[in-house]
PDB file of N, CA and C in Angstrom:
ATOM      1  N   UNK A   1     -11.533   9.096  -7.748  1.00  0.00           N
ATOM      2  CA  UNK A   1     -11.735   7.743  -7.274  1.00  0.00           C
ATOM      3  C   UNK A   1     -10.751   6.835  -8.010  1.00  0.00           C
ATOM      4  N   UNK A   2     -10.232   5.850  -7.292  1.00  0.00           N
ATOM      5  CA  UNK A   2      -9.340   4.857  -7.865  1.00  0.00           C
ATOM      6  C   UNK A   2     -10.101   3.541  -7.937  1.00  0.00           C
ATOM      7  N   UNK A   3     -10.149   2.954  -9.116  1.00  0.00           N
ATOM      8  CA  UNK A   3     -10.824   1.670  -9.295  1.00  0.00           C
ATOM      9  C   UNK A   3      -9.785   0.564  -9.400  1.00  0.00           C
ATOM     10  N   UNK A   4     -10.037  -0.518  -8.700  1.00  0.00           N
ATOM     11  CA  UNK A   4      -9.149  -1.665  -8.721  1.00  0.00           C
ATOM     12  C   UNK A   4      -9.838  -2.867  -9.320  1.00  0.00           C
ATOM     13  N   UNK A   5      -9.364  -4.036  -8.955  1.00  0.00           N
ATOM     14  CA  UNK A   5      -9.925  -5.281  -9.465  1.00  0.00           C
ATOM     15  C   UNK A   5      -9.748  -6.379  -8.420  1.00  0.00           C
ATOM     16  N   UNK A   6     -10.410  -7.491  -8.656  1.00  0.00           N
ATOM     17  CA  UNK A   6     -10.292  -8.667  -7.803  1.00  0.00           C
ATOM     18  C   UNK A   6      -9.559  -9.738  -8.605  1.00  0.00           C
ATOM     19  N   UNK A   7      -8.538 -10.334  -8.013  1.00  0.00           N
ATOM     20  CA  UNK A   7      -7.824 -11.435  -8.653  1.00  0.00           C
ATOM     21  C   UNK A   7      -7.792 -12.606  -7.679  1.00  0.00           C
ATOM     22  N   UNK A   8      -8.543 -13.653  -7.988  1.00  0.00           N
ATOM     23  CA  UNK A   8      -8.639 -14.842  -7.129  1.00  0.00           C
ATOM     24  C   UNK A   8      -9.035 -14.480  -5.706  1.00  0.00           C
ATOM     25  N   UNK A   9     -10.007 -13.577  -5.584  1.00  0.00           N
ATOM     26  CA  UNK A   9     -10.518 -13.175  -4.279  1.00  0.00           C
ATOM     27  C   UNK A   9      -9.696 -12.120  -3.565  1.00  0.00           C
ATOM     28  N   UNK A  10      -8.620 -11.652  -4.189  1.00  0.00           N
ATOM     29  CA  UNK A  10      -7.733 -10.665  -3.562  1.00  0.00           C
ATOM     30  C   UNK A  10      -7.971  -9.293  -4.187  1.00  0.00           C
ATOM     31  N   UNK A  11      -8.293  -8.272  -3.362  1.00  0.00           N
ATOM     32  CA  UNK A  11      -8.495  -6.928  -3.917  1.00  0.00           C
ATOM     33  C   UNK A  11      -7.159  -6.265  -4.252  1.00  0.00           C
ATOM     34  N   UNK A  12      -7.088  -5.715  -5.460  1.00  0.00           N
ATOM     35  CA  UNK A  12      -5.891  -5.038  -5.955  1.00  0.00           C
ATOM     36  C   UNK A  12      -6.259  -3.639  -6.403  1.00  0.00           C
ATOM     37  N   UNK A  13      -5.335  -2.699  -6.196  1.00  0.00           N
ATOM     38  CA  UNK A  13      -5.595  -1.323  -6.596  1.00  0.00           C
ATOM     39  C   UNK A  13      -4.307  -0.724  -7.179  1.00  0.00           C
ATOM     40  N   UNK A  14      -4.422  -0.033  -8.338  1.00  0.00           N
ATOM     41  CA  UNK A  14      -3.241   0.602  -8.919  1.00  0.00           C
ATOM     42  C   UNK A  14      -3.002   1.971  -8.282  1.00  0.00           C
ATOM     43  N   UNK A  15      -1.763   2.190  -7.819  1.00  0.00           N
ATOM     44  CA  UNK A  15      -1.402   3.464  -7.204  1.00  0.00           C
ATOM     45  C   UNK A  15      -0.050   3.907  -7.746  1.00  0.00           C
ATOM     46  N   UNK A  16       0.148   5.213  -7.827  1.00  0.00           N
ATOM     47  CA  UNK A  16       1.426   5.745  -8.312  1.00  0.00           C
ATOM     48  C   UNK A  16       2.379   5.945  -7.147  1.00  0.00           C
ATOM     49  N   UNK A  17       3.558   5.334  -7.261  1.00  0.00           N
ATOM     50  CA  UNK A  17       4.608   5.477  -6.256  1.00  0.00           C
ATOM     51  C   UNK A  17       5.937   5.561  -6.998  1.00  0.00           C
ATOM     52  N   UNK A  18       6.778   6.493  -6.605  1.00  0.00           N
ATOM     53  CA  UNK A  18       8.072   6.635  -7.259  1.00  0.00           C
ATOM     54  C   UNK A  18       7.982   6.923  -8.750  1.00  0.00           C
ATOM     55  N   UNK A  19       6.889   7.583  -9.169  1.00  0.00           N
ATOM     56  CA  UNK A  19       6.718   7.926 -10.573  1.00  0.00           C
ATOM     57  C   UNK A  19       6.212   6.797 -11.441  1.00  0.00           C
ATOM     58  N   UNK A  20       5.810   5.697 -10.821  1.00  0.00           N
ATOM     59  CA  UNK A  20       5.342   4.522 -11.568  1.00  0.00           C
ATOM     60  C   UNK A  20       4.043   3.993 -10.965  1.00  0.00           C
ATOM     61  N   UNK A  21       3.155   3.503 -11.808  1.00  0.00           N
ATOM     62  CA  UNK A  21       1.920   2.897 -11.310  1.00  0.00           C
ATOM     63  C   UNK A  21       2.211   1.439 -10.962  1.00  0.00           C
ATOM     64  N   UNK A  22       1.879   1.081  -9.726  1.00  0.00           N
ATOM     65  CA  UNK A  22       2.120  -0.257  -9.191  1.00  0.00           C
ATOM     66  C   UNK A  22       0.795  -0.797  -8.671  1.00  0.00           C
ATOM     67  N   UNK A  23       0.537  -2.071  -8.910  1.00  0.00           N
ATOM     68  CA  UNK A  23      -0.686  -2.698  -8.398  1.00  0.00           C
ATOM     69  C   UNK A  23      -0.401  -3.232  -6.992  1.00  0.00           C
ATOM     70  N   UNK A  24      -1.181  -2.740  -6.020  1.00  0.00           N
ATOM     71  CA  UNK A  24      -1.016  -3.106  -4.618  1.00  0.00           C
ATOM     72  C   UNK A  24      -2.141  -4.024  -4.159  1.00  0.00           C
ATOM     73  N   UNK A  25      -1.801  -4.986  -3.323  1.00  0.00           N
ATOM     74  CA  UNK A  25      -2.786  -5.808  -2.627  1.00  0.00           C
ATOM     75  C   UNK A  25      -3.323  -4.981  -1.472  1.00  0.00           C
ATOM     76  N   UNK A  26      -4.630  -4.959  -1.285  1.00  0.00           N
ATOM     77  CA  UNK A  26      -5.223  -4.308  -0.121  1.00  0.00           C
ATOM     78  C   UNK A  26      -5.275  -5.346   0.992  1.00  0.00           C
ATOM     79  N   UNK A  27      -4.555  -5.066   2.081  1.00  0.00           N
ATOM     80  CA  UNK A  27      -4.428  -6.009   3.193  1.00  0.00           C
ATOM     81  C   UNK A  27      -4.922  -5.336   4.472  1.00  0.00           C
ATOM     82  N   UNK A  28      -6.175  -5.615   4.839  1.00  0.00           N
ATOM     83  CA  UNK A  28      -6.749  -4.986   6.035  1.00  0.00           C
ATOM     84  C   UNK A  28      -6.182  -5.570   7.326  1.00  0.00           C
ATOM     85  N   UNK A  29      -5.395  -6.633   7.238  1.00  0.00           N
ATOM     86  CA  UNK A  29      -4.714  -7.179   8.408  1.00  0.00           C
ATOM     87  C   UNK A  29      -3.390  -6.484   8.687  1.00  0.00           C
ATOM     88  N   UNK A  30      -2.963  -5.612   7.784  1.00  0.00           N
ATOM     89  CA  UNK A  30      -1.722  -4.840   7.911  1.00  0.00           C
ATOM     90  C   UNK A  30      -2.104  -3.433   8.367  1.00  0.00           C
ATOM     91  N   UNK A  31      -1.659  -3.038   9.564  1.00  0.00           N
ATOM     92  CA  UNK A  31      -2.064  -1.723  10.069  1.00  0.00           C
ATOM     93  C   UNK A  31      -1.113  -0.605   9.664  1.00  0.00           C
ATOM     94  N   UNK A  32      -0.091  -0.931   8.912  1.00  0.00           N
ATOM     95  CA  UNK A  32       0.815   0.089   8.393  1.00  0.00           C
ATOM     96  C   UNK A  32       0.222   0.761   7.168  1.00  0.00           C
ATOM     97  N   UNK A  33       1.044   1.567   6.513  1.00  0.00           N
ATOM     98  CA  UNK A  33       0.580   2.296   5.339  1.00  0.00           C
ATOM     99  C   UNK A  33       0.895   1.543   4.044  1.00  0.00           C
ATOM    100  N   UNK A  34       2.180   1.372   3.748  1.00  0.00           N
ATOM    101  CA  UNK A  34       2.598   0.750   2.493  1.00  0.00           C
ATOM    102  C   UNK A  34       3.785  -0.157   2.767  1.00  0.00           C
ATOM    103  N   UNK A  35       3.854  -1.278   2.071  1.00  0.00           N
ATOM    104  CA  UNK A  35       5.024  -2.163   2.119  1.00  0.00           C
ATOM    105  C   UNK A  35       5.299  -2.639   0.693  1.00  0.00           C
ATOM    106  N   UNK A  36       6.583  -2.665   0.333  1.00  0.00           N
ATOM    107  CA  UNK A  36       6.974  -3.110  -1.008  1.00  0.00           C
ATOM    108  C   UNK A  36       8.212  -3.999  -0.917  1.00  0.00           C
ATOM    109  N   UNK A  37       8.421  -4.858  -1.913  1.00  0.00           N
ATOM    110  CA  UNK A  37       9.643  -5.677  -1.941  1.00  0.00           C
ATOM    111  C   UNK A  37      10.884  -4.804  -2.131  1.00  0.00           C
ATOM    112  N   UNK A  38      12.030  -5.276  -1.622  1.00  0.00           N
ATOM    113  CA  UNK A  38      13.286  -4.541  -1.786  1.00  0.00           C
ATOM    114  C   UNK A  38      13.599  -4.290  -3.256  1.00  0.00           C
ATOM    115  N   UNK A  39      13.336  -5.288  -4.117  1.00  0.00           N
ATOM    116  CA  UNK A  39      13.657  -5.138  -5.540  1.00  0.00           C
ATOM    117  C   UNK A  39      12.882  -3.967  -6.153  1.00  0.00           C
ATOM    118  N   UNK A  40      11.616  -3.839  -5.808  1.00  0.00           N
ATOM    119  CA  UNK A  40      10.803  -2.740  -6.321  1.00  0.00           C
ATOM    120  C   UNK A  40      11.298  -1.410  -5.756  1.00  0.00           C
ATOM    121  N   UNK A  41      11.660  -1.395  -4.478  1.00  0.00           N
ATOM    122  CA  UNK A  41      12.184  -0.174  -3.864  1.00  0.00           C
ATOM    123  C   UNK A  41      13.429   0.301  -4.612  1.00  0.00           C
ATOM    124  N   UNK A  42      14.312  -0.621  -4.952  1.00  0.00           N
ATOM    125  CA  UNK A  42      15.514  -0.264  -5.708  1.00  0.00           C
ATOM    126  C   UNK A  42      15.152   0.333  -7.061  1.00  0.00           C
ATOM    127  N   UNK A  43      14.218  -0.308  -7.770  1.00  0.00           N
ATOM    128  CA  UNK A  43      13.787   0.194  -9.081  1.00  0.00           C
ATOM    129  C   UNK A  43      13.218   1.604  -8.981  1.00  0.00           C
ATOM    130  N   UNK A  44      12.523   1.898  -7.888  1.00  0.00           N
ATOM    131  CA  UNK A  44      11.881   3.198  -7.704  1.00  0.00           C
ATOM    132  C   UNK A  44      12.789   4.233  -7.041  1.00  0.00           C
ATOM    133  N   UNK A  45      13.995   3.810  -6.659  1.00  0.00           N
ATOM    134  CA  UNK A  45      14.926   4.731  -6.014  1.00  0.00           C
ATOM    135  C   UNK A  45      14.585   5.034  -4.571  1.00  0.00           C
ATOM    136  N   UNK A  46      13.841   4.148  -3.924  1.00  0.00           N
ATOM    137  CA  UNK A  46      13.477   4.327  -2.514  1.00  0.00           C
ATOM    138  C   UNK A  46      14.497   3.584  -1.663  1.00  0.00           C
ATOM    139  N   UNK A  47      15.201   4.315  -0.829  1.00  0.00           N
ATOM    140  CA  UNK A  47      16.263   3.744  -0.003  1.00  0.00           C
ATOM    141  C   UNK A  47      15.819   3.702   1.466  1.00  0.00           C
ATOM    142  N   UNK A  48      16.225   2.659   2.192  1.00  0.00           N
ATOM    143  CA  UNK A  48      15.864   2.609   3.616  1.00  0.00           C
ATOM    144  C   UNK A  48      16.558   3.714   4.397  1.00  0.00           C
ATOM    145  N   UNK A  49      15.807   4.328   5.297  1.00  0.00           N
ATOM    146  CA  UNK A  49      16.344   5.375   6.175  1.00  0.00           C
ATOM    147  C   UNK A  49      16.721   4.774   7.534  1.00  0.00           C
ATOM    148  N   UNK A  50      16.096   3.654   7.868  1.00  0.00           N
ATOM    149  CA  UNK A  50      16.327   2.991   9.149  1.00  0.00           C
ATOM    150  C   UNK A  50      15.854   1.541   9.016  1.00  0.00           C
ATOM    151  N   UNK A  51      16.122   0.773  10.037  1.00  0.00           N
ATOM    152  CA  UNK A  51      15.643  -0.615  10.126  1.00  0.00           C
ATOM    153  C   UNK A  51      14.684  -0.682  11.310  1.00  0.00           C
ATOM    154  N   UNK A  52      13.578  -1.401  11.124  1.00  0.00           N
ATOM    155  CA  UNK A  52      12.611  -1.574  12.205  1.00  0.00           C
ATOM    156  C   UNK A  52      12.216  -3.045  12.274  1.00  0.00           C
ATOM    157  N   UNK A  53      11.682  -3.452  13.406  1.00  0.00           N
ATOM    158  CA  UNK A  53      11.165  -4.811  13.549  1.00  0.00           C
ATOM    159  C   UNK A  53       9.655  -4.769  13.438  1.00  0.00           C
ATOM    160  N   UNK A  54       9.126  -5.667  12.633  1.00  0.00           N
ATOM    161  CA  UNK A  54       7.696  -5.719  12.354  1.00  0.00           C
ATOM    162  C   UNK A  54       7.172  -7.077  12.787  1.00  0.00           C
ATOM    163  N   UNK A  55       6.040  -7.072  13.492  1.00  0.00           N
ATOM    164  CA  UNK A  55       5.402  -8.334  13.866  1.00  0.00           C
ATOM    165  C   UNK A  55       4.504  -8.777  12.725  1.00  0.00           C
ATOM    166  N   UNK A  56       4.756  -9.969  12.208  1.00  0.00           N
ATOM    167  CA  UNK A  56       3.970 -10.510  11.106  1.00  0.00           C
ATOM    168  C   UNK A  56       2.694 -11.160  11.633  1.00  0.00           C
ATOM    169  N   UNK A  57       1.819 -11.522  10.727  1.00  0.00           N
ATOM    170  CA  UNK A  57       0.526 -12.105  11.079  1.00  0.00           C
ATOM    171  C   UNK A  57       0.634 -13.366  11.921  1.00  0.00           C
ATOM    172  N   UNK A  58       1.732 -14.108  11.748  1.00  0.00           N
ATOM    173  CA  UNK A  58       1.905 -15.343  12.519  1.00  0.00           C
ATOM    174  C   UNK A  58       2.579 -15.103  13.868  1.00  0.00           C
ATOM    175  N   UNK A  59       2.832 -13.821  14.203  1.00  0.00           N
ATOM    176  CA  UNK A  59       3.440 -13.479  15.479  1.00  0.00           C
ATOM    177  C   UNK A  59       4.952 -13.396  15.457  1.00  0.00           C
ATOM    178  N   UNK A  60       5.586 -13.809  14.370  1.00  0.00           N
ATOM    179  CA  UNK A  60       7.042 -13.739  14.290  1.00  0.00           C
ATOM    180  C   UNK A  60       7.491 -12.304  14.011  1.00  0.00           C
ATOM    181  N   UNK A  61       8.751 -12.016  14.366  1.00  0.00           N
ATOM    182  CA  UNK A  61       9.326 -10.697  14.118  1.00  0.00           C
ATOM    183  C   UNK A  61      10.231 -10.754  12.896  1.00  0.00           C
ATOM    184  N   UNK A  62      10.212  -9.682  12.136  1.00  0.00           N
ATOM    185  CA  UNK A  62      10.997  -9.596  10.910  1.00  0.00           C
ATOM    186  C   UNK A  62      11.606  -8.195  10.844  1.00  0.00           C
ATOM    187  N   UNK A  63      12.892  -8.097  10.506  1.00  0.00           N
ATOM    188  CA  UNK A  63      13.476  -6.767  10.351  1.00  0.00           C
ATOM    189  C   UNK A  63      13.222  -6.287   8.927  1.00  0.00           C
ATOM    190  N   UNK A  64      12.831  -5.034   8.811  1.00  0.00           N
ATOM    191  CA  UNK A  64      12.532  -4.448   7.507  1.00  0.00           C
ATOM    192  C   UNK A  64      13.093  -3.034   7.458  1.00  0.00           C
ATOM    193  N   UNK A  65      13.506  -2.632   6.271  1.00  0.00           N
ATOM    194  CA  UNK A  65      13.892  -1.250   6.067  1.00  0.00           C
ATOM    195  C   UNK A  65      12.647  -0.381   6.114  1.00  0.00           C
ATOM    196  N   UNK A  66      12.826   0.872   6.456  1.00  0.00           N
ATOM    197  CA  UNK A  66      11.705   1.805   6.490  1.00  0.00           C
ATOM    198  C   UNK A  66      12.154   3.115   5.847  1.00  0.00           C
ATOM    199  N   UNK A  67      11.244   3.726   5.114  1.00  0.00           N
ATOM    200  CA  UNK A  67      11.519   4.991   4.443  1.00  0.00           C
ATOM    201  C   UNK A  67      10.240   5.811   4.385  1.00  0.00           C
ATOM    202  N   UNK A  68      10.359   7.021   3.875  1.00  0.00           N
ATOM    203  CA  UNK A  68       9.215   7.902   3.671  1.00  0.00           C
ATOM    204  C   UNK A  68       9.175   8.241   2.187  1.00  0.00           C
ATOM    205  N   UNK A  69       8.009   8.155   1.597  1.00  0.00           N
ATOM    206  CA  UNK A  69       7.827   8.532   0.198  1.00  0.00           C
ATOM    207  C   UNK A  69       6.397   9.040   0.041  1.00  0.00           C
ATOM    208  N   UNK A  70       5.966   9.225  -1.184  1.00  0.00           N
ATOM    209  CA  UNK A  70       4.591   9.671  -1.432  1.00  0.00           C
ATOM    210  C   UNK A  70       3.908   8.730  -2.405  1.00  0.00           C
ATOM    211  N   UNK A  71       2.618   8.566  -2.203  1.00  0.00           N
ATOM    212  CA  UNK A  71       1.751   7.872  -3.146  1.00  0.00           C
ATOM    213  C   UNK A  71       0.858   8.953  -3.747  1.00  0.00           C
ATOM    214  N   UNK A  72       0.728   8.939  -5.073  1.00  0.00           N
ATOM    215  CA  UNK A  72      -0.073   9.956  -5.745  1.00  0.00           C
ATOM    216  C   UNK A  72      -1.438   9.367  -6.086  1.00  0.00           C
ATOM    217  N   UNK A  73      -2.491  10.050  -5.626  1.00  0.00           N
ATOM    218  CA  UNK A  73      -3.865   9.633  -5.893  1.00  0.00           C
ATOM    219  C   UNK A  73      -4.621  10.846  -6.413  1.00  0.00           C
ATOM    220  N   UNK A  74      -5.167  10.723  -7.605  1.00  0.00           N
ATOM    221  CA  UNK A  74      -5.902  11.828  -8.242  1.00  0.00           C
ATOM    222  C   UNK A  74      -5.096  13.127  -8.215  1.00  0.00           C
ATOM    223  N   UNK A  75      -3.811  13.033  -8.481  1.00  0.00           N
ATOM    224  CA  UNK A  75      -2.952  14.204  -8.536  1.00  0.00           C
ATOM    225  C   UNK A  75      -2.478  14.721  -7.190  1.00  0.00           C
ATOM    226  N   UNK A  76      -2.987  14.183  -6.100  1.00  0.00           N
ATOM    227  CA  UNK A  76      -2.594  14.620  -4.759  1.00  0.00           C
ATOM    228  C   UNK A  76      -1.559  13.651  -4.179  1.00  0.00           C
ATOM    229  N   UNK A  77      -0.474  14.210  -3.635  1.00  0.00           N
ATOM    230  CA  UNK A  77       0.555  13.396  -3.005  1.00  0.00           C
ATOM    231  C   UNK A  77       0.188  13.120  -1.556  1.00  0.00           C
ATOM    232  N   UNK A  78       0.231  11.848  -1.191  1.00  0.00           N
ATOM    233  CA  UNK A  78      -0.036  11.434   0.186  1.00  0.00           C
ATOM    234  C   UNK A  78       1.275  10.896   0.744  1.00  0.00           C
ATOM    235  N   UNK A  79       1.899  11.587   1.724  1.00  0.00           N
ATOM    236  CA  UNK A  79       3.129  11.071   2.308  1.00  0.00           C
ATOM    237  C   UNK A  79       2.836   9.792   3.091  1.00  0.00           C
ATOM    238  N   UNK A  80       3.695   8.782   2.910  1.00  0.00           N
ATOM    239  CA  UNK A  80       3.493   7.502   3.576  1.00  0.00           C
ATOM    240  C   UNK A  80       4.806   6.963   4.118  1.00  0.00           C
ATOM    241  N   UNK A  81       4.684   6.184   5.182  1.00  0.00           N
ATOM    242  CA  UNK A  81       5.807   5.387   5.659  1.00  0.00           C
ATOM    243  C   UNK A  81       5.759   4.076   4.875  1.00  0.00           C
ATOM    244  N   UNK A  82       6.871   3.729   4.275  1.00  0.00           N
ATOM    245  CA  UNK A  82       6.909   2.516   3.458  1.00  0.00           C
ATOM    246  C   UNK A  82       7.910   1.536   4.069  1.00  0.00           C
ATOM    247  N   UNK A  83       7.438   0.321   4.278  1.00  0.00           N
ATOM    248  CA  UNK A  83       8.306  -0.752   4.753  1.00  0.00           C
ATOM    249  C   UNK A  83       8.893  -1.450   3.542  1.00  0.00           C
ATOM    250  N   UNK A  84      10.173  -1.752   3.597  1.00  0.00           N
ATOM    251  CA  UNK A  84      10.862  -2.396   2.488  1.00  0.00           C
ATOM    252  C   UNK A  84      11.183  -3.835   2.867  1.00  0.00           C
ATOM    253  N   UNK A  85      10.762  -4.764   2.024  1.00  0.00           N
ATOM    254  CA  UNK A  85      11.072  -6.158   2.274  1.00  0.00           C
ATOM    255  C   UNK A  85       9.875  -7.083   2.273  1.00  0.00           C
ATOM    256  N   UNK A  86       8.699  -6.573   1.915  1.00  0.00           N
ATOM    257  CA  UNK A  86       7.518  -7.443   1.841  1.00  0.00           C
ATOM    258  C   UNK A  86       7.633  -8.338   0.595  1.00  0.00           C
ATOM    259  N   UNK A  87       6.821  -9.359   0.547  1.00  0.00           N
ATOM    260  CA  UNK A  87       6.862 -10.273  -0.602  1.00  0.00           C
ATOM    261  C   UNK A  87       6.160  -9.702  -1.826  1.00  0.00           C
ATOM    262  N   UNK A  88       5.247  -8.749  -1.604  1.00  0.00           N
ATOM    263  CA  UNK A  88       4.523  -8.105  -2.701  1.00  0.00           C
ATOM    264  C   UNK A  88       4.119  -6.704  -2.249  1.00  0.00           C
ATOM    265  N   UNK A  89       3.776  -5.809  -3.184  1.00  0.00           N
ATOM    266  CA  UNK A  89       3.326  -4.475  -2.782  1.00  0.00           C
ATOM    267  C   UNK A  89       1.969  -4.569  -2.078  1.00  0.00           C
ATOM    268  N   UNK A  90       1.886  -3.986  -0.879  1.00  0.00           N
ATOM    269  CA  UNK A  90       0.619  -3.999  -0.140  1.00  0.00           C
ATOM    270  C   UNK A  90       0.342  -2.619   0.452  1.00  0.00           C
ATOM    271  N   UNK A  91      -0.934  -2.309   0.596  1.00  0.00           N
ATOM    272  CA  UNK A  91      -1.367  -1.149   1.359  1.00  0.00           C
ATOM    273  C   UNK A  91      -2.220  -1.661   2.513  1.00  0.00           C
ATOM    274  N   UNK A  92      -2.063  -1.004   3.654  1.00  0.00           N
ATOM    275  CA  UNK A  92      -2.791  -1.415   4.844  1.00  0.00           C
ATOM    276  C   UNK A  92      -3.756  -0.351   5.320  1.00  0.00           C
ATOM    277  N   UNK A  93      -4.280  -0.580   6.514  1.00  0.00           N
ATOM    278  CA  UNK A  93      -5.303   0.319   7.046  1.00  0.00           C
ATOM    279  C   UNK A  93      -4.761   1.710   7.351  1.00  0.00           C
ATOM    280  N   UNK A  94      -3.464   1.832   7.591  1.00  0.00           N
ATOM    281  CA  UNK A  94      -2.879   3.151   7.791  1.00  0.00           C
ATOM    282  C   UNK A  94      -3.015   4.028   6.559  1.00  0.00           C
ATOM    283  N   UNK A  95      -2.982   3.414   5.385  1.00  0.00           N
ATOM    284  CA  UNK A  95      -3.180   4.143   4.134  1.00  0.00           C
ATOM    285  C   UNK A  95      -4.670   4.305   3.841  1.00  0.00           C
ATOM    286  N   UNK A  96      -5.441   3.260   4.091  1.00  0.00           N
ATOM    287  CA  UNK A  96      -6.866   3.276   3.773  1.00  0.00           C
ATOM    288  C   UNK A  96      -7.647   4.315   4.576  1.00  0.00           C
ATOM    289  N   UNK A  97      -7.100   4.797   5.693  1.00  0.00           N
ATOM    290  CA  UNK A  97      -7.816   5.791   6.510  1.00  0.00           C
ATOM    291  C   UNK A  97      -8.080   7.076   5.737  1.00  0.00           C
ATOM    292  N   UNK A  98      -7.365   7.290   4.641  1.00  0.00           N
ATOM    293  CA  UNK A  98      -7.556   8.483   3.806  1.00  0.00           C
ATOM    294  C   UNK A  98      -8.718   8.335   2.821  1.00  0.00           C
ATOM    295  N   UNK A  99      -9.371   7.163   2.819  1.00  0.00           N
ATOM    296  CA  UNK A  99     -10.341   6.850   1.780  1.00  0.00           C
ATOM    297  C   UNK A  99     -11.605   6.204   2.335  1.00  0.00           C
ATOM    298  N   UNK A 100     -12.652   6.311   1.554  1.00  0.00           N
ATOM    299  CA  UNK A 100     -13.813   5.440   1.698  1.00  0.00           C
ATOM    300  C   UNK A 100     -13.445   4.225   0.847  1.00  0.00           C
ATOM    301  N   UNK A 101     -13.410   3.051   1.450  1.00  0.00           N
ATOM    302  CA  UNK A 101     -12.977   1.828   0.787  1.00  0.00           C
ATOM    303  C   UNK A 101     -14.211   0.990   0.472  1.00  0.00           C
ATOM    304  N   UNK A 102     -14.443   0.748  -0.809  1.00  0.00           N
ATOM    305  CA  UNK A 102     -15.610  -0.022  -1.242  1.00  0.00           C
ATOM    306  C   UNK A 102     -15.120  -1.335  -1.824  1.00  0.00           C
ATOM    307  N   UNK A 103     -15.642  -2.446  -1.294  1.00  0.00           N
ATOM    308  CA  UNK A 103     -15.242  -3.777  -1.746  1.00  0.00           C
ATOM    309  C   UNK A 103     -16.471  -4.649  -1.906  1.00  0.00           C
ATOM    310  N   UNK A 104     -16.686  -5.154  -3.108  1.00  0.00           N
ATOM    311  CA  UNK A 104     -17.757  -6.101  -3.391  1.00  0.00           C
ATOM    312  C   UNK A 104     -17.134  -7.215  -4.226  1.00  0.00           C
ATOM    313  N   UNK A 105     -16.668  -8.252  -3.541  1.00  0.00           N
ATOM    314  CA  UNK A 105     -15.940  -9.320  -4.224  1.00  0.00           C
ATOM    315  C   UNK A 105     -16.812 -10.005  -5.260  1.00  0.00           C
ATOM    316  N   UNK A 106     -18.085 -10.229  -4.947  1.00  0.00           N
ATOM    317  CA  UNK A 106     -18.989 -10.881  -5.891  1.00  0.00           C
ATOM    318  C   UNK A 106     -19.141 -10.115  -7.189  1.00  0.00           C
ATOM    319  N   UNK A 107     -19.154  -8.801  -7.095  1.00  0.00           N
ATOM    320  CA  UNK A 107     -19.297  -7.952  -8.285  1.00  0.00           C
ATOM    321  C   UNK A 107     -17.945  -7.562  -8.880  1.00  0.00           C
ATOM    322  N   UNK A 108     -16.842  -7.952  -8.212  1.00  0.00           N
ATOM    323  CA  UNK A 108     -15.522  -7.581  -8.699  1.00  0.00           C
ATOM    324  C   UNK A 108     -15.220  -6.113  -8.540  1.00  0.00           C
ATOM    325  N   UNK A 109     -15.820  -5.469  -7.529  1.00  0.00           N
ATOM    326  CA  UNK A 109     -15.701  -4.027  -7.342  1.00  0.00           C
ATOM    327  C   UNK A 109     -14.712  -3.692  -6.227  1.00  0.00           C
ATOM    328  N   UNK A 110     -13.725  -2.878  -6.568  1.00  0.00           N
ATOM    329  CA  UNK A 110     -12.779  -2.337  -5.600  1.00  0.00           C
ATOM    330  C   UNK A 110     -12.639  -0.851  -5.919  1.00  0.00           C
ATOM    331  N   UNK A 111     -12.921   0.002  -4.937  1.00  0.00           N
ATOM    332  CA  UNK A 111     -12.808   1.449  -5.164  1.00  0.00           C
ATOM    333  C   UNK A 111     -12.252   2.126  -3.920  1.00  0.00           C
ATOM    334  N   UNK A 112     -11.391   3.103  -4.164  1.00  0.00           N
ATOM    335  CA  UNK A 112     -10.907   3.981  -3.111  1.00  0.00           C
ATOM    336  C   UNK A 112     -11.368   5.382  -3.474  1.00  0.00           C
ATOM    337  N   UNK A 113     -12.168   5.959  -2.620  1.00  0.00           N
ATOM    338  CA  UNK A 113     -12.681   7.316  -2.841  1.00  0.00           C
ATOM    339  C   UNK A 113     -12.100   8.224  -1.768  1.00  0.00           C
ATOM    340  N   UNK A 114     -11.261   9.202  -2.163  1.00  0.00           N
ATOM    341  CA  UNK A 114     -10.645  10.073  -1.149  1.00  0.00           C
ATOM    342  C   UNK A 114     -11.700  10.812  -0.333  1.00  0.00           C
ATOM    343  N   UNK A 115     -11.426  10.939   0.982  1.00  0.00           N
ATOM    344  CA  UNK A 115     -12.284  11.758   1.833  1.00  0.00           C
ATOM    345  C   UNK A 115     -12.125  13.204   1.404  1.00  0.00           C
ATOM    346  N   UNK A 116     -13.213  13.893   1.311  1.00  0.00           N
ATOM    347  CA  UNK A 116     -13.215  15.308   0.936  1.00  0.00           C
ATOM    348  C   UNK A 116     -13.496  16.141   2.173  1.00  0.00           C
ATOM    349  N   UNK A 117     -12.796  17.271   2.329  1.00  0.00           N
ATOM    350  CA  UNK A 117     -13.129  18.136   3.472  1.00  0.00           C
ATOM    351  C   UNK A 117     -14.550  18.684   3.341  1.00  0.00           C
ATOM    352  N   UNK A 118     -15.188  18.894   4.480  1.00  0.00           N
ATOM    353  CA  UNK A 118     -16.559  19.427   4.483  1.00  0.00           C
ATOM    354  C   UNK A 118     -16.582  20.878   4.086  1.00  0.00           C
TER     355      UNK A 118
END
């Protein structure tokens, strides 16, 4: 299980990407897997493989680099599509589908529990 925290009402969770632990915002309005700023991608050695257009929450289109990498959770590598160019590291519902997501803002509880095979 991965335990996170709440910062000013925003759920955050630490995840390993590119050999480094990074704190990600959990964004249930983002249906992709992972998005990170270009500067962080450079630091982690993640290079864009292609350019794609992404529709933002306000309906506008934005071009972003896209790559494939892995996020490590409890020693297991989860391959993810990562968008490059976000303002902060975020994980969306495409990533959360691998987990039971527990959020209790009042109690400051954020947990990701990997689904286990039956």
